[in-house]
Every structure is written in structure tokens, then in C-alpha cells.
Amino acid sequence: MKINGLGFLRIGLKREIKKVLDQYKKEIINRTSIKEETKDENKLNCEFEIHLGVGLIPTNDFSYYD
């Protein structure tokens, strides 16, 4: 039997993405920096779900904000 995941936390496990977006809103960083800071987040989410035994991982569940 396969386990299905319904999605993953979009702000990061330790709110990393939210912190980056807050910096962008305060004009501390630009859009390019957002992409650089979050480029591995989707990959890490998928790897974590695989590690937990999720066999049916949804695609396109990565977003910069809910």
C-alpha cells in the first residue's frame, strides 16, 4: 500500500521561506535572491517525504507563500 502526501509546509520547516519573503517585502533583497535562497527547498521537501515513506508525492506543491 502506498501513502499519499497532500502537500508540504510552504514556509519551510523552520520558516525559512517566510523569513526570505519578509526581507523582500522590506526591500532588503530582490527577486533573484528569493530564488537563490529557496532553490533547494522543493528538493528537500520531496526527499523528506520519500524518507517518511510517502509513495505518491504531489507535484507542484511548492509555493513561496500560502
PDB file of N, CA and C in Angstrom:
ATOM      1  N   MET A   1       0.846  -1.180   0.000  1.00  0.00           N
ATOM      2  CA  MET A   1       0.000   0.000   0.000  1.00  0.00           C
ATOM      3  C   MET A   1       0.893   1.245   0.000  1.00  0.00           C
ATOM      4  N   LYS A   2       0.551   2.197  -0.841  1.00  0.00           N
ATOM      5  CA  LYS A   2       1.321   3.437  -0.912  1.00  0.00           C
ATOM      6  C   LYS A   2       0.641   4.532  -0.093  1.00  0.00           C
ATOM      7  N   ILE A   3       1.474   5.365   0.494  1.00  0.00           N
ATOM      8  CA  ILE A   3       0.992   6.510   1.262  1.00  0.00           C
ATOM      9  C   ILE A   3       0.977   7.717   0.340  1.00  0.00           C
ATOM     10  N   ASN A   4      -0.076   8.501   0.412  1.00  0.00           N
ATOM     11  CA  ASN A   4      -0.212   9.700  -0.411  1.00  0.00           C
ATOM     12  C   ASN A   4      -0.025  10.944   0.452  1.00  0.00           C
ATOM     13  N   GLY A   5       0.835  11.847   0.014  1.00  0.00           N
ATOM     14  CA  GLY A   5       1.008  13.121   0.696  1.00  0.00           C
ATOM     15  C   GLY A   5       0.117  14.168   0.064  1.00  0.00           C
ATOM     16  N   LEU A   6      -0.455  15.025   0.877  1.00  0.00           N
ATOM     17  CA  LEU A   6      -1.345  16.062   0.350  1.00  0.00           C
ATOM     18  C   LEU A   6      -0.628  17.388   0.105  1.00  0.00           C
ATOM     19  N   GLY A   7       0.618  17.453   0.431  1.00  0.00           N
ATOM     20  CA  GLY A   7       1.377  18.683   0.254  1.00  0.00           C
ATOM     21  C   GLY A   7       2.377  18.822   1.381  1.00  0.00           C
ATOM     22  N   PHE A   8       3.040  19.941   1.419  1.00  0.00           N
ATOM     23  CA  PHE A   8       4.089  20.141   2.408  1.00  0.00           C
ATOM     24  C   PHE A   8       4.056  21.584   2.876  1.00  0.00           C
ATOM     25  N   LEU A   9       4.656  21.827   4.022  1.00  0.00           N
ATOM     26  CA  LEU A   9       4.729  23.196   4.543  1.00  0.00           C
ATOM     27  C   LEU A   9       5.378  24.113   3.518  1.00  0.00           C
ATOM     28  N   ARG A  10       4.731  25.200   3.207  1.00  0.00           N
ATOM     29  CA  ARG A  10       5.254  26.079   2.158  1.00  0.00           C
ATOM     30  C   ARG A  10       6.167  27.166   2.690  1.00  0.00           C
ATOM     31  N   ILE A  11       6.223  27.322   3.976  1.00  0.00           N
ATOM     32  CA  ILE A  11       7.077  28.369   4.527  1.00  0.00           C
ATOM     33  C   ILE A  11       8.400  27.816   5.018  1.00  0.00           C
ATOM     34  N   GLY A  12       8.589  26.497   4.877  1.00  0.00           N
ATOM     35  CA  GLY A  12       9.806  25.849   5.341  1.00  0.00           C
ATOM     36  C   GLY A  12       9.625  25.299   6.736  1.00  0.00           C
ATOM     37  N   LEU A  13      10.390  24.274   7.054  1.00  0.00           N
ATOM     38  CA  LEU A  13      10.267  23.645   8.371  1.00  0.00           C
ATOM     39  C   LEU A  13      10.572  24.612   9.502  1.00  0.00           C
ATOM     40  N   LYS A  14      11.497  25.505   9.263  1.00  0.00           N
ATOM     41  CA  LYS A  14      11.873  26.498  10.285  1.00  0.00           C
ATOM     42  C   LYS A  14      11.540  27.908   9.811  1.00  0.00           C
ATOM     43  N   ARG A  15      10.514  28.009   8.961  1.00  0.00           N
ATOM     44  CA  ARG A  15      10.012  29.282   8.442  1.00  0.00           C
ATOM     45  C   ARG A  15      11.049  30.020   7.583  1.00  0.00           C
ATOM     46  N   GLU A  16      11.925  29.261   6.932  1.00  0.00           N
ATOM     47  CA  GLU A  16      12.987  29.871   6.125  1.00  0.00           C
ATOM     48  C   GLU A  16      12.427  30.711   4.986  1.00  0.00           C
ATOM     49  N   ILE A  17      11.443  30.184   4.274  1.00  0.00           N
ATOM     50  CA  ILE A  17      10.895  30.903   3.125  1.00  0.00           C
ATOM     51  C   ILE A  17      10.162  32.156   3.580  1.00  0.00           C
ATOM     52  N   LYS A  18       9.447  32.074   4.683  1.00  0.00           N
ATOM     53  CA  LYS A  18       8.750  33.252   5.192  1.00  0.00           C
ATOM     54  C   LYS A  18       9.734  34.362   5.549  1.00  0.00           C
ATOM     55  N   LYS A  19      10.843  33.995   6.147  1.00  0.00           N
ATOM     56  CA  LYS A  19      11.857  34.994   6.508  1.00  0.00           C
ATOM     57  C   LYS A  19      12.432  35.673   5.269  1.00  0.00           C
ATOM     58  N   VAL A  20      12.664  34.881   4.214  1.00  0.00           N
ATOM     59  CA  VAL A  20      13.182  35.437   2.956  1.00  0.00           C
ATOM     60  C   VAL A  20      12.151  36.391   2.347  1.00  0.00           C
ATOM     61  N   LEU A  21      10.877  35.992   2.354  1.00  0.00           N
ATOM     62  CA  LEU A  21       9.831  36.851   1.793  1.00  0.00           C
ATOM     63  C   LEU A  21       9.664  38.133   2.602  1.00  0.00           C
ATOM     64  N   ASP A  22       9.808  38.034   3.904  1.00  0.00           N
ATOM     65  CA  ASP A  22       9.736  39.243   4.731  1.00  0.00           C
ATOM     66  C   ASP A  22      10.868  40.209   4.378  1.00  0.00           C
ATOM     67  N   GLN A  23      12.051  39.664   4.104  1.00  0.00           N
ATOM     68  CA  GLN A  23      13.170  40.515   3.686  1.00  0.00           C
ATOM     69  C   GLN A  23      12.870  41.180   2.344  1.00  0.00           C
ATOM     70  N   TYR A  24      12.234  40.439   1.449  1.00  0.00           N
ATOM     71  CA  TYR A  24      11.873  41.003   0.146  1.00  0.00           C
ATOM     72  C   TYR A  24      10.857  42.134   0.312  1.00  0.00           C
ATOM     73  N   LYS A  25       9.870  41.924   1.155  1.00  0.00           N
ATOM     74  CA  LYS A  25       8.847  42.950   1.388  1.00  0.00           C
ATOM     75  C   LYS A  25       9.448  44.219   1.977  1.00  0.00           C
ATOM     76  N   LYS A  26      10.506  44.060   2.757  1.00  0.00           N
ATOM     77  CA  LYS A  26      11.183  45.220   3.354  1.00  0.00           C
ATOM     78  C   LYS A  26      12.246  45.792   2.415  1.00  0.00           C
ATOM     79  N   GLU A  27      12.310  45.220   1.199  1.00  0.00           N
ATOM     80  CA  GLU A  27      13.253  45.640   0.162  1.00  0.00           C
ATOM     81  C   GLU A  27      14.712  45.469   0.575  1.00  0.00           C
ATOM     82  N   ILE A  28      14.965  44.449   1.381  1.00  0.00           N
ATOM     83  CA  ILE A  28      16.330  44.119   1.786  1.00  0.00           C
ATOM     84  C   ILE A  28      16.992  43.256   0.710  1.00  0.00           C
ATOM     85  N   ILE A  29      16.194  42.399   0.062  1.00  0.00           N
ATOM     86  CA  ILE A  29      16.693  41.545  -1.012  1.00  0.00           C
ATOM     87  C   ILE A  29      15.787  41.687  -2.230  1.00  0.00           C
ATOM     88  N   ASN A  30      16.245  41.171  -3.385  1.00  0.00           N
ATOM     89  CA  ASN A  30      15.442  41.252  -4.615  1.00  0.00           C
ATOM     90  C   ASN A  30      14.907  39.869  -5.003  1.00  0.00           C
ATOM     91  N   ARG A  31      14.166  39.800  -6.122  1.00  0.00           N
ATOM     92  CA  ARG A  31      13.558  38.533  -6.558  1.00  0.00           C
ATOM     93  C   ARG A  31      14.592  37.452  -6.836  1.00  0.00           C
ATOM     94  N   THR A  32      15.712  37.839  -7.401  1.00  0.00           N
ATOM     95  CA  THR A  32      16.761  36.865  -7.687  1.00  0.00           C
ATOM     96  C   THR A  32      17.238  36.206  -6.399  1.00  0.00           C
ATOM     97  N   SER A  33      17.351  36.985  -5.357  1.00  0.00           N
ATOM     98  CA  SER A  33      17.776  36.443  -4.071  1.00  0.00           C
ATOM     99  C   SER A  33      16.758  35.461  -3.507  1.00  0.00           C
ATOM    100  N   ILE A  34      15.485  35.721  -3.743  1.00  0.00           N
ATOM    101  CA  ILE A  34      14.444  34.791  -3.274  1.00  0.00           C
ATOM    102  C   ILE A  34      14.664  33.436  -3.931  1.00  0.00           C
ATOM    103  N   LYS A  35      14.876  33.427  -5.238  1.00  0.00           N
ATOM    104  CA  LYS A  35      15.088  32.164  -5.948  1.00  0.00           C
ATOM    105  C   LYS A  35      16.337  31.451  -5.447  1.00  0.00           C
ATOM    106  N   GLU A  36      17.398  32.191  -5.208  1.00  0.00           N
ATOM    107  CA  GLU A  36      18.638  31.593  -4.722  1.00  0.00           C
ATOM    108  C   GLU A  36      18.466  31.003  -3.326  1.00  0.00           C
ATOM    109  N   GLU A  37      17.758  31.729  -2.473  1.00  0.00           N
ATOM    110  CA  GLU A  37      17.584  31.295  -1.086  1.00  0.00           C
ATOM    111  C   GLU A  37      16.660  30.084  -0.958  1.00  0.00           C
ATOM    112  N   THR A  38      15.758  29.897  -1.915  1.00  0.00           N
ATOM    113  CA  THR A  38      14.750  28.838  -1.794  1.00  0.00           C
ATOM    114  C   THR A  38      14.903  27.716  -2.814  1.00  0.00           C
ATOM    115  N   LYS A  39      15.958  27.749  -3.617  1.00  0.00           N
ATOM    116  CA  LYS A  39      16.077  26.800  -4.733  1.00  0.00           C
ATOM    117  C   LYS A  39      16.103  25.340  -4.295  1.00  0.00           C
ATOM    118  N   ASP A  40      16.608  25.037  -3.134  1.00  0.00           N
ATOM    119  CA  ASP A  40      16.696  23.652  -2.688  1.00  0.00           C
ATOM    120  C   ASP A  40      15.511  23.218  -1.828  1.00  0.00           C
ATOM    121  N   GLU A  41      14.642  24.148  -1.473  1.00  0.00           N
ATOM    122  CA  GLU A  41      13.545  23.830  -0.564  1.00  0.00           C
ATOM    123  C   GLU A  41      12.614  22.760  -1.134  1.00  0.00           C
ATOM    124  N   ASN A  42      12.246  22.866  -2.391  1.00  0.00           N
ATOM    125  CA  ASN A  42      11.362  21.875  -3.009  1.00  0.00           C
ATOM    126  C   ASN A  42      12.022  20.500  -3.031  1.00  0.00           C
ATOM    127  N   LYS A  43      13.287  20.461  -3.381  1.00  0.00           N
ATOM    128  CA  LYS A  43      14.017  19.193  -3.408  1.00  0.00           C
ATOM    129  C   LYS A  43      14.073  18.577  -2.016  1.00  0.00           C
ATOM    130  N   LEU A  44      14.355  19.386  -1.019  1.00  0.00           N
ATOM    131  CA  LEU A  44      14.414  18.880   0.347  1.00  0.00           C
ATOM    132  C   LEU A  44      13.059  18.354   0.805  1.00  0.00           C
ATOM    133  N   ASN A  45      11.988  19.049   0.421  1.00  0.00           N
ATOM    134  CA  ASN A  45      10.646  18.592   0.776  1.00  0.00           C
ATOM    135  C   ASN A  45      10.375  17.212   0.190  1.00  0.00           C
ATOM    136  N   CYS A  46      10.689  17.014  -1.079  1.00  0.00           N
ATOM    137  CA  CYS A  46      10.469  15.720  -1.735  1.00  0.00           C
ATOM    138  C   CYS A  46      11.311  14.629  -1.083  1.00  0.00           C
ATOM    139  N   GLU A  47      12.570  14.922  -0.829  1.00  0.00           N
ATOM    140  CA  GLU A  47      13.450  13.935  -0.198  1.00  0.00           C
ATOM    141  C   GLU A  47      12.945  13.553   1.187  1.00  0.00           C
ATOM    142  N   PHE A  48      12.439  14.517   1.927  1.00  0.00           N
ATOM    143  CA  PHE A  48      11.923  14.259   3.272  1.00  0.00           C
ATOM    144  C   PHE A  48      10.687  13.371   3.206  1.00  0.00           C
ATOM    145  N   GLU A  49       9.799  13.661   2.255  1.00  0.00           N
ATOM    146  CA  GLU A  49       8.597  12.841   2.105  1.00  0.00           C
ATOM    147  C   GLU A  49       8.959  11.409   1.702  1.00  0.00           C
ATOM    148  N   ILE A  50       9.941  11.250   0.836  1.00  0.00           N
ATOM    149  CA  ILE A  50      10.402   9.915   0.448  1.00  0.00           C
ATOM    150  C   ILE A  50      10.963   9.188   1.662  1.00  0.00           C
ATOM    151  N   HIS A  51      11.752   9.890   2.468  1.00  0.00           N
ATOM    152  CA  HIS A  51      12.324   9.325   3.690  1.00  0.00           C
ATOM    153  C   HIS A  51      11.233   8.845   4.645  1.00  0.00           C
ATOM    154  N   LEU A  52      10.118   9.550   4.691  1.00  0.00           N
ATOM    155  CA  LEU A  52       8.998   9.170   5.560  1.00  0.00           C
ATOM    156  C   LEU A  52       8.175   8.016   4.995  1.00  0.00           C
ATOM    157  N   GLY A  53       8.444   7.642   3.749  1.00  0.00           N
ATOM    158  CA  GLY A  53       7.739   6.528   3.141  1.00  0.00           C
ATOM    159  C   GLY A  53       6.561   6.925   2.277  1.00  0.00           C
ATOM    160  N   VAL A  54       6.445   8.201   1.966  1.00  0.00           N
ATOM    161  CA  VAL A  54       5.363   8.648   1.095  1.00  0.00           C
ATOM    162  C   VAL A  54       5.677   8.173  -0.314  1.00  0.00           C
ATOM    163  N   GLY A  55       4.757   7.423  -0.911  1.00  0.00           N
ATOM    164  CA  GLY A  55       4.983   6.862  -2.233  1.00  0.00           C
ATOM    165  C   GLY A  55       4.346   7.666  -3.343  1.00  0.00           C
ATOM    166  N   LEU A  56       3.348   8.453  -3.015  1.00  0.00           N
ATOM    167  CA  LEU A  56       2.651   9.267  -4.009  1.00  0.00           C
ATOM    168  C   LEU A  56       2.811  10.740  -3.617  1.00  0.00           C
ATOM    169  N   ILE A  57       3.844  11.354  -4.136  1.00  0.00           N
ATOM    170  CA  ILE A  57       4.165  12.741  -3.776  1.00  0.00           C
ATOM    171  C   ILE A  57       3.520  13.672  -4.786  1.00  0.00           C
ATOM    172  N   PRO A  58       2.733  14.640  -4.318  1.00  0.00           N
ATOM    173  CA  PRO A  58       2.110  15.573  -5.254  1.00  0.00           C
ATOM    174  C   PRO A  58       3.161  16.457  -5.913  1.00  0.00           C
ATOM    175  N   THR A  59       2.921  16.803  -7.161  1.00  0.00           N
ATOM    176  CA  THR A  59       3.819  17.717  -7.851  1.00  0.00           C
ATOM    177  C   THR A  59       3.237  19.120  -7.785  1.00  0.00           C
ATOM    178  N   ASN A  60       4.093  20.082  -7.966  1.00  0.00           N
ATOM    179  CA  ASN A  60       3.681  21.484  -7.950  1.00  0.00           C
ATOM    180  C   ASN A  60       3.106  21.935  -6.616  1.00  0.00           C
ATOM    181  N   ASP A  61       3.574  21.332  -5.508  1.00  0.00           N
ATOM    182  CA  ASP A  61       3.077  21.778  -4.213  1.00  0.00           C
ATOM    183  C   ASP A  61       4.000  22.822  -3.594  1.00  0.00           C
ATOM    184  N   PHE A  62       5.026  23.241  -4.371  1.00  0.00           N
ATOM    185  CA  PHE A  62       5.939  24.260  -3.854  1.00  0.00           C
ATOM    186  C   PHE A  62       5.442  25.639  -4.231  1.00  0.00           C
ATOM    187  N   SER A  63       5.404  26.500  -3.270  1.00  0.00           N
ATOM    188  CA  SER A  63       4.961  27.872  -3.477  1.00  0.00           C
ATOM    189  C   SER A  63       5.760  28.753  -2.536  1.00  0.00           C
ATOM    190  N   TYR A  64       5.881  30.013  -2.875  1.00  0.00           N
ATOM    191  CA  TYR A  64       6.602  30.906  -1.988  1.00  0.00           C
ATOM    192  C   TYR A  64       5.745  31.370  -0.805  1.00  0.00           C
ATOM    193  N   TYR A  65       4.456  31.197  -0.898  1.00  0.00           N
ATOM    194  CA  TYR A  65       3.583  31.604   0.205  1.00  0.00           C
ATOM    195  C   TYR A  65       2.245  30.928   0.076  1.00  0.00           C
ATOM    196  N   ASP A  66       1.563  30.705   1.173  1.00  0.00           N
ATOM    197  CA  ASP A  66       0.233  30.073   1.159  1.00  0.00           C
ATOM    198  C   ASP A  66      -0.817  31.031   0.668  1.00  0.00           C
TER     199      ASP A  66
END
